[in-house]
Amino acid sequence: MLIAPPGGGTRLLLARADGPAQQAAIGNQTGGRVGFFLETDDFARDHEAMLRAGVTFEEAPRDEPYGRVAVWRDPFGNRWDLLQFARDT
């Protein structure tokens, strides 16, 4: 399955597991760590849209020195950061 944000020039290929070994690794490809990052230029807008779409976040949004972030899981158990980098001032 190929997915892309509206108007985006980037696409992401989501592939189904092929066989028992790959199926056993679903959700643990990164050893439990966040392995994927979805960068946004408007955290509040995209966080709200994701909530409305049924995305479950593991935590409330938090501010870090590098920006605003919240962890969520895709339907296959992969952990992602929704991330808006802080702007240099």
PDB file of N, CA and C in Angstrom:
ATOM      1  N   MET A   1       0.844  -1.161   0.000  1.00  0.00           N
ATOM      2  CA  MET A   1       0.000   0.000   0.000  1.00  0.00           C
ATOM      3  C   MET A   1       0.893   1.229   0.000  1.00  0.00           C
ATOM      4  N   LEU A   2       0.659   2.145  -0.894  1.00  0.00           N
ATOM      5  CA  LEU A   2       1.406   3.393  -0.977  1.00  0.00           C
ATOM      6  C   LEU A   2       0.554   4.506  -0.396  1.00  0.00           C
ATOM      7  N   ILE A   3       1.089   5.254   0.554  1.00  0.00           N
ATOM      8  CA  ILE A   3       0.357   6.371   1.138  1.00  0.00           C
ATOM      9  C   ILE A   3       1.176   7.642   0.965  1.00  0.00           C
ATOM     10  N   ALA A   4       0.463   8.777   0.898  1.00  0.00           N
ATOM     11  CA  ALA A   4       1.121  10.070   0.736  1.00  0.00           C
ATOM     12  C   ALA A   4       0.232  11.152   1.320  1.00  0.00           C
ATOM     13  N   PRO A   5       0.821  12.186   1.891  1.00  0.00           N
ATOM     14  CA  PRO A   5       0.014  13.306   2.375  1.00  0.00           C
ATOM     15  C   PRO A   5      -0.545  14.094   1.187  1.00  0.00           C
ATOM     16  N   PRO A   6      -1.687  14.740   1.363  1.00  0.00           N
ATOM     17  CA  PRO A   6      -2.239  15.542   0.266  1.00  0.00           C
ATOM     18  C   PRO A   6      -1.223  16.590  -0.196  1.00  0.00           C
ATOM     19  N   GLY A   7      -0.972  16.633  -1.479  1.00  0.00           N
ATOM     20  CA  GLY A   7      -0.042  17.611  -2.034  1.00  0.00           C
ATOM     21  C   GLY A   7       1.411  17.321  -1.745  1.00  0.00           C
ATOM     22  N   GLY A   8       1.685  16.218  -1.046  1.00  0.00           N
ATOM     23  CA  GLY A   8       3.059  15.906  -0.671  1.00  0.00           C
ATOM     24  C   GLY A   8       3.833  15.282  -1.806  1.00  0.00           C
ATOM     25  N   GLY A   9       5.117  15.503  -1.810  1.00  0.00           N
ATOM     26  CA  GLY A   9       5.977  14.920  -2.818  1.00  0.00           C
ATOM     27  C   GLY A   9       6.628  13.634  -2.347  1.00  0.00           C
ATOM     28  N   THR A  10       6.287  13.220  -1.137  1.00  0.00           N
ATOM     29  CA  THR A  10       6.880  12.024  -0.556  1.00  0.00           C
ATOM     30  C   THR A  10       5.809  10.955  -0.420  1.00  0.00           C
ATOM     31  N   ARG A  11       6.204   9.719  -0.647  1.00  0.00           N
ATOM     32  CA  ARG A  11       5.280   8.597  -0.465  1.00  0.00           C
ATOM     33  C   ARG A  11       5.942   7.555   0.425  1.00  0.00           C
ATOM     34  N   LEU A  12       5.115   6.753   1.063  1.00  0.00           N
ATOM     35  CA  LEU A  12       5.589   5.703   1.955  1.00  0.00           C
ATOM     36  C   LEU A  12       4.940   4.399   1.533  1.00  0.00           C
ATOM     37  N   LEU A  13       5.747   3.387   1.353  1.00  0.00           N
ATOM     38  CA  LEU A  13       5.243   2.065   0.998  1.00  0.00           C
ATOM     39  C   LEU A  13       5.076   1.241   2.268  1.00  0.00           C
ATOM     40  N   LEU A  14       3.849   0.776   2.518  1.00  0.00           N
ATOM     41  CA  LEU A  14       3.569  -0.112   3.635  1.00  0.00           C
ATOM     42  C   LEU A  14       3.378  -1.511   3.065  1.00  0.00           C
ATOM     43  N   ALA A  15       4.203  -2.434   3.486  1.00  0.00           N
ATOM     44  CA  ALA A  15       4.152  -3.796   2.948  1.00  0.00           C
ATOM     45  C   ALA A  15       3.634  -4.752   4.017  1.00  0.00           C
ATOM     46  N   ARG A  16       2.877  -5.742   3.581  1.00  0.00           N
ATOM     47  CA  ARG A  16       2.383  -6.782   4.485  1.00  0.00           C
ATOM     48  C   ARG A  16       3.507  -7.777   4.773  1.00  0.00           C
ATOM     49  N   ALA A  17       3.461  -8.332   5.967  1.00  0.00           N
ATOM     50  CA  ALA A  17       4.430  -9.369   6.343  1.00  0.00           C
ATOM     51  C   ALA A  17       4.261 -10.572   5.426  1.00  0.00           C
ATOM     52  N   ASP A  18       5.397 -11.165   5.098  1.00  0.00           N
ATOM     53  CA  ASP A  18       5.398 -12.325   4.205  1.00  0.00           C
ATOM     54  C   ASP A  18       5.960 -13.527   4.966  1.00  0.00           C
ATOM     55  N   GLY A  19       5.086 -14.331   5.521  1.00  0.00           N
ATOM     56  CA  GLY A  19       5.522 -15.539   6.213  1.00  0.00           C
ATOM     57  C   GLY A  19       5.554 -15.383   7.721  1.00  0.00           C
ATOM     58  N   PRO A  20       5.694 -16.501   8.416  1.00  0.00           N
ATOM     59  CA  PRO A  20       5.631 -16.514   9.879  1.00  0.00           C
ATOM     60  C   PRO A  20       6.711 -15.669  10.567  1.00  0.00           C
ATOM     61  N   ALA A  21       7.927 -15.683  10.081  1.00  0.00           N
ATOM     62  CA  ALA A  21       9.000 -14.925  10.732  1.00  0.00           C
ATOM     63  C   ALA A  21       8.713 -13.425  10.691  1.00  0.00           C
ATOM     64  N   GLN A  22       8.271 -12.929   9.544  1.00  0.00           N
ATOM     65  CA  GLN A  22       7.934 -11.509   9.436  1.00  0.00           C
ATOM     66  C   GLN A  22       6.692 -11.178  10.251  1.00  0.00           C
ATOM     67  N   GLN A  23       5.720 -12.071  10.251  1.00  0.00           N
ATOM     68  CA  GLN A  23       4.509 -11.840  11.035  1.00  0.00           C
ATOM     69  C   GLN A  23       4.827 -11.760  12.527  1.00  0.00           C
ATOM     70  N   ALA A  24       5.756 -12.578  12.987  1.00  0.00           N
ATOM     71  CA  ALA A  24       6.140 -12.567  14.399  1.00  0.00           C
ATOM     72  C   ALA A  24       6.822 -11.260  14.795  1.00  0.00           C
ATOM     73  N   ALA A  25       7.426 -10.574  13.845  1.00  0.00           N
ATOM     74  CA  ALA A  25       8.144  -9.336  14.136  1.00  0.00           C
ATOM     75  C   ALA A  25       7.269  -8.094  14.052  1.00  0.00           C
ATOM     76  N   ILE A  26       6.019  -8.233  13.642  1.00  0.00           N
ATOM     77  CA  ILE A  26       5.148  -7.067  13.497  1.00  0.00           C
ATOM     78  C   ILE A  26       5.069  -6.321  14.819  1.00  0.00           C
ATOM     79  N   GLY A  27       5.315  -5.030  14.746  1.00  0.00           N
ATOM     80  CA  GLY A  27       5.270  -4.181  15.925  1.00  0.00           C
ATOM     81  C   GLY A  27       6.549  -4.168  16.724  1.00  0.00           C
ATOM     82  N   ASN A  28       7.526  -4.968  16.340  1.00  0.00           N
ATOM     83  CA  ASN A  28       8.772  -5.008  17.098  1.00  0.00           C
ATOM     84  C   ASN A  28       9.993  -4.889  16.191  1.00  0.00           C
ATOM     85  N   GLN A  29       9.796  -4.343  15.023  1.00  0.00           N
ATOM     86  CA  GLN A  29      10.904  -4.216  14.080  1.00  0.00           C
ATOM     87  C   GLN A  29      12.020  -3.338  14.630  1.00  0.00           C
ATOM     88  N   THR A  30      11.685  -2.425  15.521  1.00  0.00           N
ATOM     89  CA  THR A  30      12.687  -1.502  16.049  1.00  0.00           C
ATOM     90  C   THR A  30      13.004  -1.785  17.512  1.00  0.00           C
ATOM     91  N   GLY A  31      12.695  -2.998  17.970  1.00  0.00           N
ATOM     92  CA  GLY A  31      13.024  -3.375  19.338  1.00  0.00           C
ATOM     93  C   GLY A  31      12.263  -2.589  20.392  1.00  0.00           C
ATOM     94  N   GLY A  32      11.074  -2.114  20.066  1.00  0.00           N
ATOM     95  CA  GLY A  32      10.262  -1.365  21.019  1.00  0.00           C
ATOM     96  C   GLY A  32      10.493   0.132  21.004  1.00  0.00           C
ATOM     97  N   ARG A  33      11.499   0.569  20.278  1.00  0.00           N
ATOM     98  CA  ARG A  33      11.791   2.010  20.188  1.00  0.00           C
ATOM     99  C   ARG A  33      10.970   2.642  19.088  1.00  0.00           C
ATOM    100  N   VAL A  34      10.841   3.968  19.136  1.00  0.00           N
ATOM    101  CA  VAL A  34      10.253   4.696  18.020  1.00  0.00           C
ATOM    102  C   VAL A  34      11.200   4.547  16.844  1.00  0.00           C
ATOM    103  N   GLY A  35      10.663   4.121  15.722  1.00  0.00           N
ATOM    104  CA  GLY A  35      11.510   3.901  14.555  1.00  0.00           C
ATOM    105  C   GLY A  35      11.126   4.741  13.364  1.00  0.00           C
ATOM    106  N   PHE A  36      10.018   5.477  13.486  1.00  0.00           N
ATOM    107  CA  PHE A  36       9.518   6.251  12.346  1.00  0.00           C
ATOM    108  C   PHE A  36       9.105   7.630  12.833  1.00  0.00           C
ATOM    109  N   PHE A  37       9.286   8.619  11.971  1.00  0.00           N
ATOM    110  CA  PHE A  37       9.065  10.004  12.362  1.00  0.00           C
ATOM    111  C   PHE A  37       8.241  10.697  11.290  1.00  0.00           C
ATOM    112  N   LEU A  38       7.129  11.294  11.711  1.00  0.00           N
ATOM    113  CA  LEU A  38       6.267  12.046  10.815  1.00  0.00           C
ATOM    114  C   LEU A  38       6.406  13.506  11.194  1.00  0.00           C
ATOM    115  N   GLU A  39       7.106  14.261  10.348  1.00  0.00           N
ATOM    116  CA  GLU A  39       7.357  15.670  10.623  1.00  0.00           C
ATOM    117  C   GLU A  39       6.201  16.511  10.107  1.00  0.00           C
ATOM    118  N   THR A  40       5.823  17.509  10.885  1.00  0.00           N
ATOM    119  CA  THR A  40       4.747  18.408  10.529  1.00  0.00           C
ATOM    120  C   THR A  40       5.186  19.860  10.696  1.00  0.00           C
ATOM    121  N   ASP A  41       4.519  20.745   9.983  1.00  0.00           N
ATOM    122  CA  ASP A  41       4.764  22.180  10.171  1.00  0.00           C
ATOM    123  C   ASP A  41       3.666  22.805  11.037  1.00  0.00           C
ATOM    124  N   ASP A  42       2.680  21.992  11.455  1.00  0.00           N
ATOM    125  CA  ASP A  42       1.596  22.469  12.324  1.00  0.00           C
ATOM    126  C   ASP A  42       1.152  21.308  13.219  1.00  0.00           C
ATOM    127  N   PHE A  43       1.829  21.176  14.347  1.00  0.00           N
ATOM    128  CA  PHE A  43       1.587  20.042  15.238  1.00  0.00           C
ATOM    129  C   PHE A  43       0.130  19.979  15.686  1.00  0.00           C
ATOM    130  N   ALA A  44      -0.420  21.102  16.158  1.00  0.00           N
ATOM    131  CA  ALA A  44      -1.784  21.115  16.690  1.00  0.00           C
ATOM    132  C   ALA A  44      -2.790  20.656  15.636  1.00  0.00           C
ATOM    133  N   ARG A  45      -2.654  21.158  14.414  1.00  0.00           N
ATOM    134  CA  ARG A  45      -3.570  20.783  13.330  1.00  0.00           C
ATOM    135  C   ARG A  45      -3.508  19.285  13.057  1.00  0.00           C
ATOM    136  N   ASP A  46      -2.296  18.762  12.899  1.00  0.00           N
ATOM    137  CA  ASP A  46      -2.155  17.354  12.522  1.00  0.00           C
ATOM    138  C   ASP A  46      -2.468  16.415  13.681  1.00  0.00           C
ATOM    139  N   HIS A  47      -2.126  16.798  14.892  1.00  0.00           N
ATOM    140  CA  HIS A  47      -2.471  15.986  16.062  1.00  0.00           C
ATOM    141  C   HIS A  47      -3.987  15.859  16.167  1.00  0.00           C
ATOM    142  N   GLU A  48      -4.694  16.965  16.030  1.00  0.00           N
ATOM    143  CA  GLU A  48      -6.157  16.941  16.105  1.00  0.00           C
ATOM    144  C   GLU A  48      -6.760  16.115  14.970  1.00  0.00           C
ATOM    145  N   ALA A  49      -6.241  16.262  13.759  1.00  0.00           N
ATOM    146  CA  ALA A  49      -6.746  15.491  12.619  1.00  0.00           C
ATOM    147  C   ALA A  49      -6.515  13.999  12.834  1.00  0.00           C
ATOM    148  N   MET A  50      -5.372  13.650  13.392  1.00  0.00           N
ATOM    149  CA  MET A  50      -5.078  12.238  13.649  1.00  0.00           C
ATOM    150  C   MET A  50      -6.003  11.676  14.724  1.00  0.00           C
ATOM    151  N   LEU A  51      -6.268  12.456  15.772  1.00  0.00           N
ATOM    152  CA  LEU A  51      -7.207  12.014  16.799  1.00  0.00           C
ATOM    153  C   LEU A  51      -8.589  11.779  16.199  1.00  0.00           C
ATOM    154  N   ARG A  52      -9.055  12.711  15.368  1.00  0.00           N
ATOM    155  CA  ARG A  52     -10.363  12.567  14.727  1.00  0.00           C
ATOM    156  C   ARG A  52     -10.416  11.335  13.832  1.00  0.00           C
ATOM    157  N   ALA A  53      -9.270  10.970  13.253  1.00  0.00           N
ATOM    158  CA  ALA A  53      -9.204   9.802  12.367  1.00  0.00           C
ATOM    159  C   ALA A  53      -9.073   8.491  13.154  1.00  0.00           C
ATOM    160  N   GLY A  54      -8.992   8.574  14.476  1.00  0.00           N
ATOM    161  CA  GLY A  54      -8.938   7.365  15.288  1.00  0.00           C
ATOM    162  C   GLY A  54      -7.552   6.921  15.702  1.00  0.00           C
ATOM    163  N   VAL A  55      -6.539   7.742  15.453  1.00  0.00           N
ATOM    164  CA  VAL A  55      -5.180   7.392  15.876  1.00  0.00           C
ATOM    165  C   VAL A  55      -5.112   7.453  17.403  1.00  0.00           C
ATOM    166  N   THR A  56      -4.484   6.445  17.995  1.00  0.00           N
ATOM    167  CA  THR A  56      -4.299   6.409  19.442  1.00  0.00           C
ATOM    168  C   THR A  56      -2.870   6.804  19.764  1.00  0.00           C
ATOM    169  N   PHE A  57      -2.736   7.861  20.534  1.00  0.00           N
ATOM    170  CA  PHE A  57      -1.426   8.319  20.975  1.00  0.00           C
ATOM    171  C   PHE A  57      -1.089   7.661  22.305  1.00  0.00           C
ATOM    172  N   GLU A  58       0.178   7.322  22.500  1.00  0.00           N
ATOM    173  CA  GLU A  58       0.636   6.697  23.738  1.00  0.00           C
ATOM    174  C   GLU A  58       0.817   7.715  24.850  1.00  0.00           C
ATOM    175  N   GLU A  59       0.827   8.974  24.512  1.00  0.00           N
ATOM    176  CA  GLU A  59       1.130  10.027  25.472  1.00  0.00           C
ATOM    177  C   GLU A  59       0.529  11.331  24.999  1.00  0.00           C
ATOM    178  N   ALA A  60       0.441  12.270  25.918  1.00  0.00           N
ATOM    179  CA  ALA A  60       0.041  13.622  25.553  1.00  0.00           C
ATOM    180  C   ALA A  60       1.215  14.307  24.851  1.00  0.00           C
ATOM    181  N   PRO A  61       0.943  15.275  23.990  1.00  0.00           N
ATOM    182  CA  PRO A  61       2.048  16.012  23.366  1.00  0.00           C
ATOM    183  C   PRO A  61       2.955  16.615  24.438  1.00  0.00           C
ATOM    184  N   ARG A  62       4.251  16.621  24.123  1.00  0.00           N
ATOM    185  CA  ARG A  62       5.217  17.192  25.059  1.00  0.00           C
ATOM    186  C   ARG A  62       6.216  18.052  24.296  1.00  0.00           C
ATOM    187  N   ASP A  63       6.789  19.009  25.013  1.00  0.00           N
ATOM    188  CA  ASP A  63       7.799  19.884  24.430  1.00  0.00           C
ATOM    189  C   ASP A  63       9.172  19.421  24.877  1.00  0.00           C
ATOM    190  N   GLU A  64      10.051  19.267  23.902  1.00  0.00           N
ATOM    191  CA  GLU A  64      11.442  18.893  24.126  1.00  0.00           C
ATOM    192  C   GLU A  64      12.320  20.008  23.568  1.00  0.00           C
ATOM    193  N   PRO A  65      13.602  20.033  23.899  1.00  0.00           N
ATOM    194  CA  PRO A  65      14.475  21.085  23.356  1.00  0.00           C
ATOM    195  C   PRO A  65      14.463  21.139  21.824  1.00  0.00           C
ATOM    196  N   TYR A  66      14.247  20.003  21.164  1.00  0.00           N
ATOM    197  CA  TYR A  66      14.271  19.950  19.710  1.00  0.00           C
ATOM    198  C   TYR A  66      12.911  20.240  19.077  1.00  0.00           C
ATOM    199  N   GLY A  67      11.816  20.240  19.888  1.00  0.00           N
ATOM    200  CA  GLY A  67      10.510  20.540  19.330  1.00  0.00           C
ATOM    201  C   GLY A  67       9.377  19.882  20.094  1.00  0.00           C
ATOM    202  N   ARG A  68       8.206  19.866  19.470  1.00  0.00           N
ATOM    203  CA  ARG A  68       6.996  19.267  20.059  1.00  0.00           C
ATOM    204  C   ARG A  68       6.819  17.868  19.485  1.00  0.00           C
ATOM    205  N   VAL A  69       6.451  16.912  20.362  1.00  0.00           N
ATOM    206  CA  VAL A  69       6.421  15.516  19.944  1.00  0.00           C
ATOM    207  C   VAL A  69       5.347  14.745  20.708  1.00  0.00           C
ATOM    208  N   ALA A  70       4.798  13.723  20.064  1.00  0.00           N
ATOM    209  CA  ALA A  70       3.916  12.757  20.721  1.00  0.00           C
ATOM    210  C   ALA A  70       4.076  11.422  19.992  1.00  0.00           C
ATOM    211  N   VAL A  71       4.084  10.336  20.762  1.00  0.00           N
ATOM    212  CA  VAL A  71       4.275   8.997  20.209  1.00  0.00           C
ATOM    213  C   VAL A  71       2.917   8.356  19.930  1.00  0.00           C
ATOM    214  N   TRP A  72       2.813   7.708  18.768  1.00  0.00           N
ATOM    215  CA  TRP A  72       1.601   6.980  18.386  1.00  0.00           C
ATOM    216  C   TRP A  72       2.007   5.692  17.697  1.00  0.00           C
ATOM    217  N   ARG A  73       1.059   4.771  17.582  1.00  0.00           N
ATOM    218  CA  ARG A  73       1.301   3.494  16.896  1.00  0.00           C
ATOM    219  C   ARG A  73       0.410   3.402  15.665  1.00  0.00           C
ATOM    220  N   ASP A  74       0.986   2.867  14.599  1.00  0.00           N
ATOM    221  CA  ASP A  74       0.182   2.624  13.411  1.00  0.00           C
ATOM    222  C   ASP A  74      -0.610   1.331  13.609  1.00  0.00           C
ATOM    223  N   PRO A  75      -1.484   0.976  12.671  1.00  0.00           N
ATOM    224  CA  PRO A  75      -2.308  -0.224  12.853  1.00  0.00           C
ATOM    225  C   PRO A  75      -1.517  -1.527  12.987  1.00  0.00           C
ATOM    226  N   PHE A  76      -0.231  -1.495  12.671  1.00  0.00           N
ATOM    227  CA  PHE A  76       0.596  -2.695  12.736  1.00  0.00           C
ATOM    228  C   PHE A  76       1.491  -2.719  13.967  1.00  0.00           C
ATOM    229  N   GLY A  77       1.311  -1.739  14.861  1.00  0.00           N
ATOM    230  CA  GLY A  77       2.066  -1.702  16.109  1.00  0.00           C
ATOM    231  C   GLY A  77       3.373  -0.948  16.060  1.00  0.00           C
ATOM    232  N   ASN A  78       3.719  -0.368  14.911  1.00  0.00           N
ATOM    233  CA  ASN A  78       4.958   0.397  14.810  1.00  0.00           C
ATOM    234  C   ASN A  78       4.822   1.717  15.558  1.00  0.00           C
ATOM    235  N   ARG A  79       5.854   2.067  16.300  1.00  0.00           N
ATOM    236  CA  ARG A  79       5.852   3.325  17.059  1.00  0.00           C
ATOM    237  C   ARG A  79       6.405   4.463  16.197  1.00  0.00           C
ATOM    238  N   TRP A  80       5.675   5.579  16.214  1.00  0.00           N
ATOM    239  CA  TRP A  80       6.023   6.768  15.447  1.00  0.00           C
ATOM    240  C   TRP A  80       6.067   7.977  16.373  1.00  0.00           C
ATOM    241  N   ASP A  81       6.866   8.962  15.995  1.00  0.00           N
ATOM    242  CA  ASP A  81       6.789  10.302  16.588  1.00  0.00           C
ATOM    243  C   ASP A  81       6.070  11.202  15.609  1.00  0.00           C
ATOM    244  N   LEU A  82       5.035  11.909  16.068  1.00  0.00           N
ATOM    245  CA  LEU A  82       4.553  13.083  15.349  1.00  0.00           C
ATOM    246  C   LEU A  82       5.413  14.205  15.879  1.00  0.00           C
ATOM    247  N   LEU A  83       6.074  14.930  15.005  1.00  0.00           N
ATOM    248  CA  LEU A  83       7.151  15.815  15.426  1.00  0.00           C
ATOM    249  C   LEU A  83       7.121  17.134  14.668  1.00  0.00           C
ATOM    250  N   GLN A  84       7.133  18.225  15.432  1.00  0.00           N
ATOM    251  CA  GLN A  84       7.358  19.552  14.846  1.00  0.00           C
ATOM    252  C   GLN A  84       8.624  20.107  15.466  1.00  0.00           C
ATOM    253  N   PHE A  85       9.643  20.251  14.642  1.00  0.00           N
ATOM    254  CA  PHE A  85      10.918  20.762  15.139  1.00  0.00           C
ATOM    255  C   PHE A  85      10.782  22.207  15.576  1.00  0.00           C
ATOM    256  N   ALA A  86      11.506  22.552  16.661  1.00  0.00           N
ATOM    257  CA  ALA A  86      11.554  23.926  17.122  1.00  0.00           C
ATOM    258  C   ALA A  86      12.296  24.757  16.080  1.00  0.00           C
ATOM    259  N   ARG A  87      11.857  25.951  15.925  1.00  0.00           N
ATOM    260  CA  ARG A  87      12.527  26.852  14.975  1.00  0.00           C
ATOM    261  C   ARG A  87      13.699  27.534  15.666  1.00  0.00           C
ATOM    262  N   ASP A  88      14.807  27.645  14.952  1.00  0.00           N
ATOM    263  CA  ASP A  88      15.943  28.402  15.475  1.00  0.00           C
ATOM    264  C   ASP A  88      15.578  29.867  15.469  1.00  0.00           C
ATOM    265  N   THR A  89      15.888  30.543  16.570  1.00  0.00           N
ATOM    266  CA  THR A  89      15.574  31.982  16.642  1.00  0.00           C
ATOM    267  C   THR A  89      16.820  32.783  16.799  1.00  0.00           C
TER     268      THR A  89
END
